[in-house]
PDB file of N, CA and C in Angstrom:
ATOM      1  N   MET A   1       0.839  -1.184   0.000  1.00  0.00           N
ATOM      2  CA  MET A   1       0.000   0.000   0.000  1.00  0.00           C
ATOM      3  C   MET A   1       0.884   1.247   0.000  1.00  0.00           C
ATOM      4  N   GLY A   2       0.339   2.285  -0.587  1.00  0.00           N
ATOM      5  CA  GLY A   2       1.073   3.531  -0.638  1.00  0.00           C
ATOM      6  C   GLY A   2       0.385   4.532  -1.539  1.00  0.00           C
ATOM      7  N   MET A   3       1.139   5.544  -1.944  1.00  0.00           N
ATOM      8  CA  MET A   3       0.586   6.612  -2.749  1.00  0.00           C
ATOM      9  C   MET A   3       1.519   6.910  -3.917  1.00  0.00           C
ATOM     10  N   TYR A   4       0.918   7.201  -5.062  1.00  0.00           N
ATOM     11  CA  TYR A   4       1.675   7.611  -6.233  1.00  0.00           C
ATOM     12  C   TYR A   4       1.652   9.132  -6.295  1.00  0.00           C
ATOM     13  N   VAL A   5       2.840   9.724  -6.425  1.00  0.00           N
ATOM     14  CA  VAL A   5       2.974  11.179  -6.445  1.00  0.00           C
ATOM     15  C   VAL A   5       3.627  11.594  -7.762  1.00  0.00           C
ATOM     16  N   CYS A   6       3.527  12.879  -8.090  1.00  0.00           N
ATOM     17  CA  CYS A   6       4.155  13.432  -9.281  1.00  0.00           C
ATOM     18  C   CYS A   6       5.670  13.271  -9.156  1.00  0.00           C
ATOM     19  N   SER A   7       6.317  12.783 -10.196  1.00  0.00           N
ATOM     20  CA  SER A   7       7.764  12.565 -10.150  1.00  0.00           C
ATOM     21  C   SER A   7       8.557  13.867 -10.085  1.00  0.00           C
ATOM     22  N   LYS A   8       7.939  14.988 -10.471  1.00  0.00           N
ATOM     23  CA  LYS A   8       8.653  16.266 -10.449  1.00  0.00           C
ATOM     24  C   LYS A   8       8.484  17.019  -9.136  1.00  0.00           C
ATOM     25  N   ARG A   9       7.260  17.070  -8.610  1.00  0.00           N
ATOM     26  CA  ARG A   9       6.980  17.902  -7.424  1.00  0.00           C
ATOM     27  C   ARG A   9       6.417  17.145  -6.237  1.00  0.00           C
ATOM     28  N   HIS A  10       6.277  15.833  -6.340  1.00  0.00           N
ATOM     29  CA  HIS A  10       5.792  14.981  -5.251  1.00  0.00           C
ATOM     30  C   HIS A  10       4.375  15.315  -4.791  1.00  0.00           C
ATOM     31  N   HIS A  11       3.577  15.870  -5.683  1.00  0.00           N
ATOM     32  CA  HIS A  11       2.172  16.169  -5.381  1.00  0.00           C
ATOM     33  C   HIS A  11       1.379  14.857  -5.381  1.00  0.00           C
ATOM     34  N   PRO A  12       0.573  14.581  -4.333  1.00  0.00           N
ATOM     35  CA  PRO A  12      -0.204  13.335  -4.270  1.00  0.00           C
ATOM     36  C   PRO A  12      -1.191  13.233  -5.433  1.00  0.00           C
ATOM     37  N   LEU A  13      -1.162  12.087  -6.117  1.00  0.00           N
ATOM     38  CA  LEU A  13      -2.016  11.888  -7.289  1.00  0.00           C
ATOM     39  C   LEU A  13      -2.997  10.727  -7.129  1.00  0.00           C
ATOM     40  N   PHE A  14      -2.457   9.525  -6.889  1.00  0.00           N
ATOM     41  CA  PHE A  14      -3.284   8.312  -6.853  1.00  0.00           C
ATOM     42  C   PHE A  14      -2.909   7.441  -5.658  1.00  0.00           C
ATOM     43  N   SER A  15      -3.903   6.807  -5.077  1.00  0.00           N
ATOM     44  CA  SER A  15      -3.681   5.816  -4.023  1.00  0.00           C
ATOM     45  C   SER A  15      -3.459   4.463  -4.681  1.00  0.00           C
ATOM     46  N   SER A  16      -2.636   3.630  -4.064  1.00  0.00           N
ATOM     47  CA  SER A  16      -2.460   2.281  -4.601  1.00  0.00           C
ATOM     48  C   SER A  16      -3.767   1.495  -4.543  1.00  0.00           C
ATOM     49  N   ARG A  17      -4.694   1.924  -3.720  1.00  0.00           N
ATOM     50  CA  ARG A  17      -6.006   1.277  -3.636  1.00  0.00           C
ATOM     51  C   ARG A  17      -6.802   1.432  -4.929  1.00  0.00           C
ATOM     52  N   SER A  18      -6.511   2.487  -5.691  1.00  0.00           N
ATOM     53  CA  SER A  18      -7.265   2.725  -6.924  1.00  0.00           C
ATOM     54  C   SER A  18      -6.538   2.206  -8.167  1.00  0.00           C
ATOM     55  N   LYS A  19      -5.414   1.489  -7.973  1.00  0.00           N
ATOM     56  CA  LYS A  19      -4.653   0.954  -9.104  1.00  0.00           C
ATOM     57  C   LYS A  19      -5.380  -0.252  -9.693  1.00  0.00           C
ATOM     58  N   LEU A  20      -5.412  -0.284 -11.036  1.00  0.00           N
ATOM     59  CA  LEU A  20      -6.087  -1.367 -11.744  1.00  0.00           C
ATOM     60  C   LEU A  20      -5.081  -2.389 -12.266  1.00  0.00           C
ATOM     61  N   ALA A  21      -5.441  -3.637 -12.179  1.00  0.00           N
ATOM     62  CA  ALA A  21      -4.695  -4.687 -12.868  1.00  0.00           C
ATOM     63  C   ALA A  21      -5.325  -4.805 -14.251  1.00  0.00           C
ATOM     64  N   HIS A  22      -4.522  -4.644 -15.296  1.00  0.00           N
ATOM     65  CA  HIS A  22      -5.066  -4.676 -16.651  1.00  0.00           C
ATOM     66  C   HIS A  22      -3.979  -5.055 -17.637  1.00  0.00           C
ATOM     67  N   TRP A  23      -4.320  -5.147 -18.897  1.00  0.00           N
ATOM     68  CA  TRP A  23      -3.415  -5.625 -19.948  1.00  0.00           C
ATOM     69  C   TRP A  23      -2.404  -4.595 -20.413  1.00  0.00           C
ATOM     70  N   SER A  24      -2.659  -3.310 -20.246  1.00  0.00           N
ATOM     71  CA  SER A  24      -1.804  -2.248 -20.771  1.00  0.00           C
ATOM     72  C   SER A  24      -0.492  -2.148 -19.983  1.00  0.00           C
ATOM     73  N   PRO A  25       0.615  -1.785 -20.645  1.00  0.00           N
ATOM     74  CA  PRO A  25       1.883  -1.618 -19.920  1.00  0.00           C
ATOM     75  C   PRO A  25       1.926  -0.359 -19.054  1.00  0.00           C
ATOM     76  N   TRP A  26       0.997   0.575 -19.250  1.00  0.00           N
ATOM     77  CA  TRP A  26       0.977   1.799 -18.462  1.00  0.00           C
ATOM     78  C   TRP A  26       0.192   1.586 -17.175  1.00  0.00           C
ATOM     79  N   PRO A  27       0.655   2.158 -16.065  1.00  0.00           N
ATOM     80  CA  PRO A  27      -0.126   2.076 -14.827  1.00  0.00           C
ATOM     81  C   PRO A  27      -1.505   2.706 -15.036  1.00  0.00           C
ATOM     82  N   ALA A  28      -2.521   2.112 -14.453  1.00  0.00           N
ATOM     83  CA  ALA A  28      -3.881   2.619 -14.605  1.00  0.00           C
ATOM     84  C   ALA A  28      -4.557   2.709 -13.241  1.00  0.00           C
ATOM     85  N   PHE A  29      -5.404   3.723 -13.100  1.00  0.00           N
ATOM     86  CA  PHE A  29      -6.086   3.991 -11.837  1.00  0.00           C
ATOM     87  C   PHE A  29      -7.539   4.340 -12.112  1.00  0.00           C
ATOM     88  N   THR A  30      -8.388   4.126 -11.111  1.00  0.00           N
ATOM     89  CA  THR A  30      -9.803   4.460 -11.258  1.00  0.00           C
ATOM     90  C   THR A  30     -10.136   5.857 -10.764  1.00  0.00           C
ATOM     91  N   ASP A  31      -9.322   6.409  -9.858  1.00  0.00           N
ATOM     92  CA  ASP A  31      -9.654   7.708  -9.273  1.00  0.00           C
ATOM     93  C   ASP A  31      -8.401   8.380  -8.725  1.00  0.00           C
ATOM     94  N   THR A  32      -8.469   9.697  -8.597  1.00  0.00           N
ATOM     95  CA  THR A  32      -7.373  10.466  -8.010  1.00  0.00           C
ATOM     96  C   THR A  32      -7.553  10.544  -6.497  1.00  0.00           C
ATOM     97  N   VAL A  33      -6.490  10.950  -5.803  1.00  0.00           N
ATOM     98  CA  VAL A  33      -6.547  11.091  -4.342  1.00  0.00           C
ATOM     99  C   VAL A  33      -7.506  12.214  -3.963  1.00  0.00           C
ATOM    100  N   ARG A  34      -7.387  13.341  -4.675  1.00  0.00           N
ATOM    101  CA  ARG A  34      -8.248  14.502  -4.414  1.00  0.00           C
ATOM    102  C   ARG A  34      -8.718  15.058  -5.751  1.00  0.00           C
ATOM    103  N   GLU A  35      -9.742  15.868  -5.694  1.00  0.00           N
ATOM    104  CA  GLU A  35     -10.267  16.474  -6.912  1.00  0.00           C
ATOM    105  C   GLU A  35      -9.226  17.349  -7.605  1.00  0.00           C
ATOM    106  N   ASP A  36      -8.384  18.044  -6.822  1.00  0.00           N
ATOM    107  CA  ASP A  36      -7.377  18.939  -7.410  1.00  0.00           C
ATOM    108  C   ASP A  36      -6.019  18.249  -7.638  1.00  0.00           C
ATOM    109  N   SER A  37      -5.983  16.927  -7.526  1.00  0.00           N
ATOM    110  CA  SER A  37      -4.729  16.212  -7.775  1.00  0.00           C
ATOM    111  C   SER A  37      -4.262  16.387  -9.213  1.00  0.00           C
ATOM    112  N   VAL A  38      -5.211  16.414 -10.145  1.00  0.00           N
ATOM    113  CA  VAL A  38      -4.875  16.552 -11.561  1.00  0.00           C
ATOM    114  C   VAL A  38      -5.718  17.641 -12.206  1.00  0.00           C
ATOM    115  N   THR A  39      -5.220  18.115 -13.341  1.00  0.00           N
ATOM    116  CA  THR A  39      -5.956  19.020 -14.222  1.00  0.00           C
ATOM    117  C   THR A  39      -6.205  18.248 -15.502  1.00  0.00           C
ATOM    118  N   LYS A  40      -7.393  18.415 -16.079  1.00  0.00           N
ATOM    119  CA  LYS A  40      -7.738  17.674 -17.291  1.00  0.00           C
ATOM    120  C   LYS A  40      -8.019  18.638 -18.436  1.00  0.00           C
ATOM    121  N   MET A  41      -7.561  18.243 -19.627  1.00  0.00           N
ATOM    122  CA  MET A  41      -7.835  19.008 -20.842  1.00  0.00           C
ATOM    123  C   MET A  41      -8.430  18.044 -21.869  1.00  0.00           C
ATOM    124  N   MET A  42      -9.609  18.384 -22.412  1.00  0.00           N
ATOM    125  CA  MET A  42     -10.265  17.498 -23.358  1.00  0.00           C
ATOM    126  C   MET A  42      -9.431  17.367 -24.634  1.00  0.00           C
ATOM    127  N   GLU A  43      -9.189  16.116 -25.042  1.00  0.00           N
ATOM    128  CA  GLU A  43      -8.500  15.848 -26.304  1.00  0.00           C
ATOM    129  C   GLU A  43      -9.472  15.337 -27.350  1.00  0.00           C
ATOM    130  N   THR A  44     -10.333  14.398 -26.941  1.00  0.00           N
ATOM    131  CA  THR A  44     -11.389  13.876 -27.809  1.00  0.00           C
ATOM    132  C   THR A  44     -12.640  13.741 -26.958  1.00  0.00           C
ATOM    133  N   LEU A  45     -13.714  13.268 -27.540  1.00  0.00           N
ATOM    134  CA  LEU A  45     -14.946  13.081 -26.771  1.00  0.00           C
ATOM    135  C   LEU A  45     -14.802  11.992 -25.714  1.00  0.00           C
ATOM    136  N   THR A  46     -13.815  11.121 -25.873  1.00  0.00           N
ATOM    137  CA  THR A  46     -13.666  10.017 -24.924  1.00  0.00           C
ATOM    138  C   THR A  46     -12.338  10.026 -24.176  1.00  0.00           C
ATOM    139  N   ALA A  47     -11.543  11.100 -24.318  1.00  0.00           N
ATOM    140  CA  ALA A  47     -10.240  11.123 -23.639  1.00  0.00           C
ATOM    141  C   ALA A  47      -9.865  12.541 -23.228  1.00  0.00           C
ATOM    142  N   PHE A  48      -9.299  12.636 -22.032  1.00  0.00           N
ATOM    143  CA  PHE A  48      -8.763  13.890 -21.509  1.00  0.00           C
ATOM    144  C   PHE A  48      -7.264  13.738 -21.299  1.00  0.00           C
ATOM    145  N   LYS A  49      -6.503  14.763 -21.622  1.00  0.00           N
ATOM    146  CA  LYS A  49      -5.094  14.807 -21.262  1.00  0.00           C
ATOM    147  C   LYS A  49      -5.042  15.133 -19.773  1.00  0.00           C
ATOM    148  N   VAL A  50      -4.202  14.435 -19.010  1.00  0.00           N
ATOM    149  CA  VAL A  50      -4.133  14.599 -17.561  1.00  0.00           C
ATOM    150  C   VAL A  50      -2.778  15.199 -17.192  1.00  0.00           C
ATOM    151  N   LEU A  51      -2.819  16.275 -16.400  1.00  0.00           N
ATOM    152  CA  LEU A  51      -1.624  16.978 -15.941  1.00  0.00           C
ATOM    153  C   LEU A  51      -1.610  17.017 -14.420  1.00  0.00           C
ATOM    154  N   CYS A  52      -0.425  17.125 -13.834  1.00  0.00           N
ATOM    155  CA  CYS A  52      -0.322  17.303 -12.384  1.00  0.00           C
ATOM    156  C   CYS A  52      -1.050  18.590 -12.005  1.00  0.00           C
ATOM    157  N   GLY A  53      -1.844  18.528 -10.968  1.00  0.00           N
ATOM    158  CA  GLY A  53      -2.607  19.685 -10.519  1.00  0.00           C
ATOM    159  C   GLY A  53      -1.759  20.794  -9.924  1.00  0.00           C
ATOM    160  N   LYS A  54      -0.499  20.518  -9.588  1.00  0.00           N
ATOM    161  CA  LYS A  54       0.389  21.528  -9.001  1.00  0.00           C
ATOM    162  C   LYS A  54       1.356  22.117 -10.019  1.00  0.00           C
ATOM    163  N   CYS A  55       2.052  21.249 -10.776  1.00  0.00           N
ATOM    164  CA  CYS A  55       3.132  21.747 -11.638  1.00  0.00           C
ATOM    165  C   CYS A  55       2.854  21.645 -13.131  1.00  0.00           C
ATOM    166  N   GLY A  56       1.776  20.962 -13.515  1.00  0.00           N
ATOM    167  CA  GLY A  56       1.444  20.841 -14.931  1.00  0.00           C
ATOM    168  C   GLY A  56       2.212  19.752 -15.660  1.00  0.00           C
ATOM    169  N   ASN A  57       2.946  18.914 -14.946  1.00  0.00           N
ATOM    170  CA  ASN A  57       3.668  17.788 -15.541  1.00  0.00           C
ATOM    171  C   ASN A  57       2.679  16.893 -16.279  1.00  0.00           C
ATOM    172  N   GLY A  58       2.976  16.522 -17.525  1.00  0.00           N
ATOM    173  CA  GLY A  58       2.108  15.628 -18.286  1.00  0.00           C
ATOM    174  C   GLY A  58       2.114  14.237 -17.689  1.00  0.00           C
ATOM    175  N   LEU A  59       0.935  13.735 -17.334  1.00  0.00           N
ATOM    176  CA  LEU A  59       0.830  12.444 -16.662  1.00  0.00           C
ATOM    177  C   LEU A  59       0.326  11.329 -17.559  1.00  0.00           C
ATOM    178  N   GLY A  60      -0.530  11.650 -18.511  1.00  0.00           N
ATOM    179  CA  GLY A  60      -1.130  10.612 -19.350  1.00  0.00           C
ATOM    180  C   GLY A  60      -2.526  11.025 -19.772  1.00  0.00           C
ATOM    181  N   HIS A  61      -3.469  10.070 -19.704  1.00  0.00           N
ATOM    182  CA  HIS A  61      -4.831  10.327 -20.171  1.00  0.00           C
ATOM    183  C   HIS A  61      -5.876   9.716 -19.237  1.00  0.00           C
ATOM    184  N   GLN A  62      -7.052  10.321 -19.248  1.00  0.00           N
ATOM    185  CA  GLN A  62      -8.225   9.724 -18.625  1.00  0.00           C
ATOM    186  C   GLN A  62      -9.110   9.270 -19.765  1.00  0.00           C
ATOM    187  N   LEU A  63      -9.424   7.985 -19.796  1.00  0.00           N
ATOM    188  CA  LEU A  63     -10.260   7.420 -20.842  1.00  0.00           C
ATOM    189  C   LEU A  63     -11.672   7.257 -20.296  1.00  0.00           C
ATOM    190  N   VAL A  64     -12.609   7.979 -20.878  1.00  0.00           N
ATOM    191  CA  VAL A  64     -13.990   8.020 -20.402  1.00  0.00           C
ATOM    192  C   VAL A  64     -14.707   6.727 -20.804  1.00  0.00           C
ATOM    193  N   ASN A  65     -15.486   6.192 -19.881  1.00  0.00           N
ATOM    194  CA  ASN A  65     -16.241   4.949 -20.083  1.00  0.00           C
ATOM    195  C   ASN A  65     -15.354   3.772 -20.474  1.00  0.00           C
ATOM    196  N   ASP A  66     -14.147   3.734 -19.909  1.00  0.00           N
ATOM    197  CA  ASP A  66     -13.204   2.660 -20.200  1.00  0.00           C
ATOM    198  C   ASP A  66     -12.707   2.030 -18.902  1.00  0.00           C
ATOM    199  N   GLY A  67     -13.453   2.243 -17.831  1.00  0.00           N
ATOM    200  CA  GLY A  67     -13.051   1.718 -16.527  1.00  0.00           C
ATOM    201  C   GLY A  67     -13.482   0.285 -16.330  1.00  0.00           C
ATOM    202  N   PRO A  68     -13.240  -0.238 -15.143  1.00  0.00           N
ATOM    203  CA  PRO A  68     -13.559  -1.639 -14.863  1.00  0.00           C
ATOM    204  C   PRO A  68     -15.051  -1.927 -14.800  1.00  0.00           C
ATOM    205  N   GLU A  69     -15.847  -0.912 -14.528  1.00  0.00           N
ATOM    206  CA  GLU A  69     -17.300  -1.082 -14.471  1.00  0.00           C
ATOM    207  C   GLU A  69     -17.944  -0.154 -15.488  1.00  0.00           C
ATOM    208  N   GLU A  70     -19.091  -0.518 -15.953  1.00  0.00           N
ATOM    209  CA  GLU A  70     -19.789   0.289 -16.945  1.00  0.00           C
ATOM    210  C   GLU A  70     -20.012   1.715 -16.434  1.00  0.00           C
ATOM    211  N   GLY A  71     -19.671   2.693 -17.281  1.00  0.00           N
ATOM    212  CA  GLY A  71     -19.864   4.091 -16.930  1.00  0.00           C
ATOM    213  C   GLY A  71     -18.729   4.710 -16.126  1.00  0.00           C
ATOM    214  N   THR A  72     -17.664   3.948 -15.867  1.00  0.00           N
ATOM    215  CA  THR A  72     -16.533   4.499 -15.119  1.00  0.00           C
ATOM    216  C   THR A  72     -15.360   4.789 -16.061  1.00  0.00           C
ATOM    217  N   SER A  73     -14.466   5.636 -15.597  1.00  0.00           N
ATOM    218  CA  SER A  73     -13.305   6.018 -16.394  1.00  0.00           C
ATOM    219  C   SER A  73     -12.044   5.352 -15.864  1.00  0.00           C
ATOM    220  N   ARG A  74     -11.003   5.409 -16.691  1.00  0.00           N
ATOM    221  CA  ARG A  74      -9.710   4.841 -16.312  1.00  0.00           C
ATOM    222  C   ARG A  74      -8.641   5.885 -16.611  1.00  0.00           C
ATOM    223  N   PHE A  75      -7.768   6.107 -15.639  1.00  0.00           N
ATOM    224  CA  PHE A  75      -6.605   6.965 -15.847  1.00  0.00           C
ATOM    225  C   PHE A  75      -5.461   6.074 -16.311  1.00  0.00           C
ATOM    226  N   ARG A  76      -4.920   6.341 -17.492  1.00  0.00           N
ATOM    227  CA  ARG A  76      -3.755   5.608 -17.996  1.00  0.00           C
ATOM    228  C   ARG A  76      -2.577   6.570 -17.917  1.00  0.00           C
ATOM    229  N   ILE A  77      -1.623   6.256 -17.074  1.00  0.00           N
ATOM    230  CA  ILE A  77      -0.578   7.199 -16.689  1.00  0.00           C
ATOM    231  C   ILE A  77       0.800   6.703 -17.132  1.00  0.00           C
ATOM    232  N   PHE A  78       1.640   7.638 -17.579  1.00  0.00           N
ATOM    233  CA  PHE A  78       3.016   7.299 -17.958  1.00  0.00           C
ATOM    234  C   PHE A  78       3.803   6.949 -16.695  1.00  0.00           C
ATOM    235  N   SER A  79       4.475   5.806 -16.706  1.00  0.00           N
ATOM    236  CA  SER A  79       5.182   5.363 -15.502  1.00  0.00           C
ATOM    237  C   SER A  79       6.290   6.332 -15.091  1.00  0.00           C
ATOM    238  N   HIS A  80       6.929   7.006 -16.048  1.00  0.00           N
ATOM    239  CA  HIS A  80       8.011   7.937 -15.693  1.00  0.00           C
ATOM    240  C   HIS A  80       7.505   9.207 -15.007  1.00  0.00           C
ATOM    241  N   SER A  81       6.194   9.456 -15.048  1.00  0.00           N
ATOM    242  CA  SER A  81       5.652  10.660 -14.415  1.00  0.00           C
ATOM    243  C   SER A  81       5.217  10.407 -12.964  1.00  0.00           C
ATOM    244  N   LEU A  82       5.373   9.167 -12.497  1.00  0.00           N
ATOM    245  CA  LEU A  82       4.957   8.796 -11.145  1.00  0.00           C
ATOM    246  C   LEU A  82       6.140   8.372 -10.284  1.00  0.00           C
ATOM    247  N   LYS A  83       5.973   8.581  -9.004  1.00  0.00           N
ATOM    248  CA  LYS A  83       6.898   8.037  -8.004  1.00  0.00           C
ATOM    249  C   LYS A  83       6.033   7.393  -6.931  1.00  0.00           C
ATOM    250  N   PHE A  84       6.365   6.171  -6.534  1.00  0.00           N
ATOM    251  CA  PHE A  84       5.592   5.466  -5.522  1.00  0.00           C
ATOM    252  C   PHE A  84       6.186   5.725  -4.145  1.00  0.00           C
ATOM    253  N   VAL A  85       5.320   6.126  -3.217  1.00  0.00           N
ATOM    254  CA  VAL A  85       5.732   6.340  -1.825  1.00  0.00           C
ATOM    255  C   VAL A  85       5.026   5.275  -0.991  1.00  0.00           C
ATOM    256  N   PRO A  86       5.779   4.262  -0.512  1.00  0.00           N
ATOM    257  CA  PRO A  86       5.135   3.180   0.245  1.00  0.00           C
ATOM    258  C   PRO A  86       4.673   3.642   1.618  1.00  0.00           C
ATOM    259  N   ASN A  87       3.581   3.058   2.058  1.00  0.00           N
ATOM    260  CA  ASN A  87       3.072   3.292   3.410  1.00  0.00           C
ATOM    261  C   ASN A  87       3.385   2.029   4.193  1.00  0.00           C
ATOM    262  N   LYS A  88       4.195   2.166   5.209  1.00  0.00           N
ATOM    263  CA  LYS A  88       4.601   1.011   6.010  1.00  0.00           C
ATOM    264  C   LYS A  88       3.506   0.556   6.972  1.00  0.00           C
ATOM    265  N   GLY A  89       2.298   1.135   6.857  1.00  0.00           N
ATOM    266  CA  GLY A  89       1.186   0.724   7.694  1.00  0.00           C
ATOM    267  C   GLY A  89       1.128   1.407   9.040  1.00  0.00           C
ATOM    268  N   LYS A  90       1.996   2.393   9.263  1.00  0.00           N
ATOM    269  CA  LYS A  90       2.047   3.048  10.567  1.00  0.00           C
ATOM    270  C   LYS A  90       1.274   4.354  10.607  1.00  0.00           C
ATOM    271  N   ILE A  91       0.902   4.877   9.423  1.00  0.00           N
ATOM    272  CA  ILE A  91       0.130   6.118   9.385  1.00  0.00           C
ATOM    273  C   ILE A  91      -1.051   5.952   8.436  1.00  0.00           C
ATOM    274  N   SER A  92      -2.073   6.749   8.636  1.00  0.00           N
ATOM    275  CA  SER A  92      -3.256   6.680   7.784  1.00  0.00           C
ATOM    276  C   SER A  92      -2.954   7.343   6.434  1.00  0.00           C
ATOM    277  N   PHE A  93      -3.780   7.052   5.434  1.00  0.00           N
ATOM    278  CA  PHE A  93      -3.603   7.682   4.127  1.00  0.00           C
ATOM    279  C   PHE A  93      -3.780   9.191   4.216  1.00  0.00           C
ATOM    280  N   ASN A  94      -4.702   9.657   5.063  1.00  0.00           N
ATOM    281  CA  ASN A  94      -4.894  11.104   5.226  1.00  0.00           C
ATOM    282  C   ASN A  94      -3.638  11.751   5.783  1.00  0.00           C
ATOM    283  N   ASP A  95      -3.025  11.124   6.800  1.00  0.00           N
ATOM    284  CA  ASP A  95      -1.791  11.658   7.365  1.00  0.00           C
ATOM    285  C   ASP A  95      -0.658  11.587   6.357  1.00  0.00           C
ATOM    286  N   MET A  96      -0.613  10.494   5.599  1.00  0.00           N
ATOM    287  CA  MET A  96       0.422  10.351   4.582  1.00  0.00           C
ATOM    288  C   MET A  96       0.301  11.454   3.535  1.00  0.00           C
ATOM    289  N   GLU A  97      -0.917  11.739   3.119  1.00  0.00           N
ATOM    290  CA  GLU A  97      -1.140  12.808   2.143  1.00  0.00           C
ATOM    291  C   GLU A  97      -0.661  14.146   2.688  1.00  0.00           C
ATOM    292  N   LYS A  98      -0.936  14.422   3.956  1.00  0.00           N
ATOM    293  CA  LYS A  98      -0.498  15.683   4.571  1.00  0.00           C
ATOM    294  C   LYS A  98       1.025  15.777   4.620  1.00  0.00           C
ATOM    295  N   ILE A  99       1.687  14.676   4.951  1.00  0.00           N
ATOM    296  CA  ILE A  99       3.153  14.664   5.007  1.00  0.00           C
ATOM    297  C   ILE A  99       3.738  14.925   3.623  1.00  0.00           C
ATOM    298  N   ILE A 100       3.201  14.258   2.612  1.00  0.00           N
ATOM    299  CA  ILE A 100       3.694  14.449   1.243  1.00  0.00           C
ATOM    300  C   ILE A 100       3.458  15.884   0.799  1.00  0.00           C
ATOM    301  N   GLU A 101       2.301  16.435   1.135  1.00  0.00           N
ATOM    302  CA  GLU A 101       1.995  17.825   0.769  1.00  0.00           C
ATOM    303  C   GLU A 101       2.971  18.783   1.440  1.00  0.00           C
ATOM    304  N   GLN A 102       3.325  18.521   2.706  1.00  0.00           N
ATOM    305  CA  GLN A 102       4.294  19.373   3.400  1.00  0.00           C
ATOM    306  C   GLN A 102       5.673  19.280   2.737  1.00  0.00           C
ATOM    307  N   LEU A 103       6.051  18.075   2.317  1.00  0.00           N
ATOM    308  CA  LEU A 103       7.319  17.915   1.604  1.00  0.00           C
ATOM    309  C   LEU A 103       7.298  18.705   0.304  1.00  0.00           C
ATOM    310  N   TYR A 104       6.158  18.696  -0.369  1.00  0.00           N
ATOM    311  CA  TYR A 104       6.023  19.455  -1.613  1.00  0.00           C
ATOM    312  C   TYR A 104       6.214  20.944  -1.329  1.00  0.00           C
ATOM    313  N   LEU A 105       5.574  21.454  -0.283  1.00  0.00           N
ATOM    314  CA  LEU A 105       5.651  22.878   0.033  1.00  0.00           C
ATOM    315  C   LEU A 105       7.072  23.280   0.403  1.00  0.00           C
ATOM    316  N   VAL A 106       7.796  22.429   1.117  1.00  0.00           N
ATOM    317  CA  VAL A 106       9.163  22.709   1.527  1.00  0.00           C
ATOM    318  C   VAL A 106      10.094  22.719   0.304  1.00  0.00           C
ATOM    319  N   GLY A 107       9.838  21.821  -0.653  1.00  0.00           N
ATOM    320  CA  GLY A 107      10.704  21.697  -1.813  1.00  0.00           C
ATOM    321  C   GLY A 107      10.448  22.685  -2.928  1.00  0.00           C
ATOM    322  N   ARG A 108       9.533  23.595  -2.758  1.00  0.00           N
ATOM    323  CA  ARG A 108       9.195  24.552  -3.821  1.00  0.00           C
ATOM    324  C   ARG A 108      10.283  25.570  -4.023  1.00  0.00           C
TER     325      ARG A 108
END
């Protein structure tokens, strides 16, 4: 368990809980950690370009109606744009998010 953060600014993006097992070589997720984790720009009627909500780093795409359940979306993310921060089970995800956010603010 852990959290995926932006490889450039360590902004929290995705929880490992939302990671999908699928056929594609790119990491895929069903949801972001927070609403402002990413910024989306429409590319087609069924796909959005996904950027880091803090620094604008290109992350990949959100594919509309391509999720594991009917009517859900899937985030297909470039592996080089992510960094995994493991949770050793000693802190909650909310606390982990706050710690990562503080690290981001310090590193600006």
